[in-house]
Amino acid sequence: MSITDQKIPLEVLPLDALAANEFGRINLVDGEEKSVQRLAEMGLREGVTLRMIRPGEPSIVALGDQRLSVRLDAETVILVETK
């Protein structure tokens, strides 16, 4: 097996665990349907790659050229994959 055939293990963690300038791909958005729908409308849905600009409450994330301020309620979770 060559190095290119090996899978790089991914780490899955909550969005707020990303450090500034760290990239992640959204693995899961879970919570009340209304909250999940609103996040999807903002571009935060499974499969999307984002960059953490400023962790904290609220977090600021970059989706391409757009910046979003994200404050999740207690029932909503966004999990991201990192390398």
N, C-alpha and C. Protein backbone atom coordinates (compact mmCIF):
# COMPACT_ATOMS: atom_id res chain seq x y z
N MET A 1 0.85 -1.18 0.00
CA MET A 1 0.00 0.00 0.00
C MET A 1 0.89 1.24 0.00
N SER A 2 0.65 2.13 -0.94
CA SER A 2 1.44 3.35 -1.02
C SER A 2 0.88 4.40 -0.06
N ILE A 3 1.65 5.44 0.15
CA ILE A 3 1.23 6.51 1.05
C ILE A 3 -0.04 7.19 0.53
N THR A 4 -0.22 7.24 -0.78
CA THR A 4 -1.40 7.89 -1.33
C THR A 4 -2.66 7.04 -1.16
N ASP A 5 -2.49 5.72 -0.91
CA ASP A 5 -3.63 4.85 -0.70
C ASP A 5 -4.12 4.87 0.75
N GLN A 6 -3.28 5.37 1.65
CA GLN A 6 -3.65 5.39 3.06
C GLN A 6 -4.60 6.55 3.34
N LYS A 7 -5.57 6.30 4.18
CA LYS A 7 -6.50 7.36 4.57
C LYS A 7 -5.91 8.14 5.73
N ILE A 8 -6.01 9.45 5.64
CA ILE A 8 -5.56 10.31 6.73
C ILE A 8 -6.68 10.35 7.75
N PRO A 9 -6.38 9.99 9.01
CA PRO A 9 -7.46 10.01 10.02
C PRO A 9 -7.96 11.43 10.25
N LEU A 10 -9.25 11.55 10.36
CA LEU A 10 -9.87 12.84 10.62
C LEU A 10 -10.31 12.90 12.07
N GLU A 11 -10.24 14.07 12.63
CA GLU A 11 -10.71 14.29 13.99
C GLU A 11 -12.02 15.06 13.88
N VAL A 12 -13.03 14.61 14.62
CA VAL A 12 -14.33 15.29 14.62
C VAL A 12 -14.50 15.98 15.97
N LEU A 13 -14.75 17.29 15.91
CA LEU A 13 -14.93 18.06 17.15
C LEU A 13 -15.98 19.14 16.97
N PRO A 14 -16.45 19.70 18.08
CA PRO A 14 -17.43 20.78 17.98
C PRO A 14 -16.82 22.01 17.32
N LEU A 15 -17.64 22.76 16.62
CA LEU A 15 -17.18 23.97 15.93
C LEU A 15 -16.39 24.88 16.86
N ASP A 16 -16.86 25.07 18.08
CA ASP A 16 -16.19 26.00 18.99
C ASP A 16 -14.83 25.51 19.49
N ALA A 17 -14.44 24.27 19.13
CA ALA A 17 -13.12 23.76 19.50
C ALA A 17 -12.04 24.11 18.47
N LEU A 18 -12.45 24.64 17.30
CA LEU A 18 -11.46 25.04 16.30
C LEU A 18 -10.69 26.26 16.80
N ALA A 19 -9.41 26.29 16.50
CA ALA A 19 -8.58 27.45 16.84
C ALA A 19 -8.68 28.49 15.72
N ALA A 20 -8.27 29.71 16.00
CA ALA A 20 -8.26 30.75 14.98
C ALA A 20 -7.44 30.30 13.78
N ASN A 21 -7.97 30.53 12.58
CA ASN A 21 -7.36 30.17 11.30
C ASN A 21 -7.31 28.68 11.01
N GLU A 22 -7.98 27.87 11.82
CA GLU A 22 -8.05 26.43 11.56
C GLU A 22 -9.25 26.14 10.65
N PHE A 23 -9.04 25.22 9.71
CA PHE A 23 -10.10 24.83 8.78
C PHE A 23 -10.82 23.59 9.28
N GLY A 24 -12.08 23.46 8.93
CA GLY A 24 -12.85 22.27 9.25
C GLY A 24 -13.95 22.08 8.21
N ARG A 25 -14.35 20.84 8.02
CA ARG A 25 -15.46 20.53 7.13
C ARG A 25 -16.62 20.08 7.98
N ILE A 26 -17.78 20.68 7.79
CA ILE A 26 -18.93 20.36 8.63
C ILE A 26 -19.35 18.92 8.39
N ASN A 27 -19.38 18.16 9.49
CA ASN A 27 -19.74 16.74 9.48
C ASN A 27 -21.18 16.53 9.90
N LEU A 28 -21.68 17.39 10.80
CA LEU A 28 -23.03 17.22 11.34
C LEU A 28 -23.54 18.57 11.85
N VAL A 29 -24.79 18.86 11.54
CA VAL A 29 -25.51 19.98 12.13
C VAL A 29 -26.76 19.37 12.75
N ASP A 30 -26.90 19.48 14.06
CA ASP A 30 -28.01 18.83 14.74
C ASP A 30 -28.64 19.79 15.74
N GLY A 31 -29.94 19.65 15.92
CA GLY A 31 -30.67 20.48 16.85
C GLY A 31 -32.12 20.56 16.41
N GLU A 32 -32.83 21.58 16.91
CA GLU A 32 -34.21 21.79 16.49
C GLU A 32 -34.24 22.06 15.00
N GLU A 33 -35.26 21.53 14.34
CA GLU A 33 -35.36 21.65 12.88
C GLU A 33 -35.27 23.11 12.42
N LYS A 34 -35.93 24.01 13.14
CA LYS A 34 -35.92 25.42 12.79
C LYS A 34 -34.50 26.01 12.83
N SER A 35 -33.73 25.64 13.85
CA SER A 35 -32.35 26.12 13.98
C SER A 35 -31.46 25.56 12.89
N VAL A 36 -31.60 24.26 12.63
CA VAL A 36 -30.79 23.61 11.59
C VAL A 36 -31.10 24.23 10.23
N GLN A 37 -32.37 24.49 9.96
CA GLN A 37 -32.78 25.11 8.69
C GLN A 37 -32.19 26.51 8.55
N ARG A 38 -32.23 27.28 9.62
CA ARG A 38 -31.68 28.65 9.58
C ARG A 38 -30.17 28.61 9.33
N LEU A 39 -29.46 27.71 9.98
CA LEU A 39 -28.02 27.58 9.75
C LEU A 39 -27.73 27.19 8.31
N ALA A 40 -28.54 26.27 7.75
CA ALA A 40 -28.38 25.86 6.35
C ALA A 40 -28.58 27.06 5.41
N GLU A 41 -29.57 27.90 5.71
CA GLU A 41 -29.81 29.10 4.90
C GLU A 41 -28.61 30.04 4.92
N MET A 42 -27.88 30.04 6.04
CA MET A 42 -26.68 30.87 6.16
C MET A 42 -25.47 30.23 5.50
N GLY A 43 -25.60 28.97 5.07
CA GLY A 43 -24.49 28.27 4.42
C GLY A 43 -23.82 27.23 5.29
N LEU A 44 -24.25 27.09 6.54
CA LEU A 44 -23.65 26.14 7.47
C LEU A 44 -24.42 24.82 7.39
N ARG A 45 -23.94 23.93 6.49
CA ARG A 45 -24.57 22.62 6.31
C ARG A 45 -23.49 21.58 6.08
N GLU A 46 -23.86 20.33 6.21
CA GLU A 46 -22.90 19.23 6.08
C GLU A 46 -22.15 19.31 4.75
N GLY A 47 -20.83 19.05 4.84
CA GLY A 47 -19.98 19.03 3.65
C GLY A 47 -19.29 20.34 3.34
N VAL A 48 -19.70 21.43 3.99
CA VAL A 48 -19.13 22.75 3.72
C VAL A 48 -17.83 22.92 4.51
N THR A 49 -16.80 23.45 3.84
CA THR A 49 -15.54 23.75 4.51
C THR A 49 -15.56 25.20 4.97
N LEU A 50 -15.12 25.41 6.20
CA LEU A 50 -15.08 26.75 6.76
C LEU A 50 -13.75 26.98 7.46
N ARG A 51 -13.48 28.23 7.79
CA ARG A 51 -12.28 28.60 8.54
C ARG A 51 -12.72 29.40 9.75
N MET A 52 -12.20 29.06 10.90
CA MET A 52 -12.49 29.79 12.13
C MET A 52 -11.69 31.09 12.11
N ILE A 53 -12.38 32.20 12.18
CA ILE A 53 -11.72 33.51 12.25
C ILE A 53 -11.46 33.87 13.72
N ARG A 54 -12.53 33.80 14.51
CA ARG A 54 -12.41 34.11 15.94
C ARG A 54 -13.27 33.15 16.74
N PRO A 55 -12.61 32.26 17.49
CA PRO A 55 -13.39 31.38 18.36
C PRO A 55 -13.99 32.17 19.52
N GLY A 56 -14.99 31.61 20.12
CA GLY A 56 -15.61 32.27 21.26
C GLY A 56 -17.12 32.30 21.10
N GLU A 57 -17.73 33.17 21.85
CA GLU A 57 -19.19 33.27 21.85
C GLU A 57 -19.58 34.72 21.64
N PRO A 58 -19.94 35.13 20.44
CA PRO A 58 -20.12 34.29 19.26
C PRO A 58 -18.81 34.02 18.54
N SER A 59 -18.77 32.94 17.78
CA SER A 59 -17.64 32.64 16.91
C SER A 59 -17.83 33.39 15.60
N ILE A 60 -16.72 33.72 14.96
CA ILE A 60 -16.78 34.28 13.61
C ILE A 60 -16.09 33.29 12.69
N VAL A 61 -16.82 32.83 11.66
CA VAL A 61 -16.29 31.85 10.72
C VAL A 61 -16.33 32.43 9.31
N ALA A 62 -15.45 31.91 8.46
CA ALA A 62 -15.40 32.31 7.06
C ALA A 62 -15.88 31.15 6.20
N LEU A 63 -16.81 31.47 5.30
CA LEU A 63 -17.26 30.54 4.27
C LEU A 63 -16.91 31.22 2.95
N GLY A 64 -15.79 30.84 2.36
CA GLY A 64 -15.34 31.55 1.17
C GLY A 64 -15.04 32.99 1.52
N ASP A 65 -15.66 33.93 0.79
CA ASP A 65 -15.44 35.37 1.04
C ASP A 65 -16.40 35.94 2.07
N GLN A 66 -17.31 35.14 2.55
CA GLN A 66 -18.32 35.64 3.49
C GLN A 66 -17.91 35.32 4.93
N ARG A 67 -18.22 36.23 5.84
CA ARG A 67 -17.95 36.05 7.27
C ARG A 67 -19.28 35.97 8.00
N LEU A 68 -19.38 35.02 8.94
CA LEU A 68 -20.60 34.84 9.71
C LEU A 68 -20.29 34.87 11.20
N SER A 69 -21.16 35.48 11.95
CA SER A 69 -21.11 35.43 13.40
C SER A 69 -22.06 34.32 13.83
N VAL A 70 -21.55 33.36 14.59
CA VAL A 70 -22.34 32.18 14.95
C VAL A 70 -22.43 32.05 16.46
N ARG A 71 -23.66 32.05 16.95
CA ARG A 71 -23.92 31.80 18.37
C ARG A 71 -24.97 30.69 18.42
N LEU A 72 -24.57 29.52 18.91
CA LEU A 72 -25.47 28.37 18.94
C LEU A 72 -26.21 28.30 20.26
N ASP A 73 -27.48 27.87 20.21
CA ASP A 73 -28.21 27.66 21.46
C ASP A 73 -27.79 26.32 22.06
N ALA A 74 -28.24 26.03 23.24
CA ALA A 74 -27.81 24.84 23.98
C ALA A 74 -28.19 23.54 23.29
N GLU A 75 -29.23 23.56 22.47
CA GLU A 75 -29.70 22.33 21.82
C GLU A 75 -29.08 22.11 20.44
N THR A 76 -28.31 23.05 19.93
CA THR A 76 -27.76 22.96 18.58
C THR A 76 -26.26 22.66 18.64
N VAL A 77 -25.82 21.75 17.78
CA VAL A 77 -24.42 21.40 17.72
C VAL A 77 -23.97 21.34 16.26
N ILE A 78 -22.77 21.85 16.00
CA ILE A 78 -22.13 21.70 14.70
C ILE A 78 -20.81 20.97 14.96
N LEU A 79 -20.65 19.80 14.31
CA LEU A 79 -19.41 19.05 14.41
C LEU A 79 -18.64 19.20 13.12
N VAL A 80 -17.32 19.39 13.24
CA VAL A 80 -16.46 19.58 12.06
C VAL A 80 -15.34 18.54 12.06
N GLU A 81 -14.92 18.17 10.86
CA GLU A 81 -13.77 17.28 10.69
C GLU A 81 -12.54 18.11 10.43
N THR A 82 -11.44 17.73 11.06
CA THR A 82 -10.15 18.39 10.80
C THR A 82 -9.15 17.29 10.49
N LYS A 83 -8.04 17.68 9.87
CA LYS A 83 -6.98 16.70 9.56
C LYS A 83 -5.91 16.75 10.60
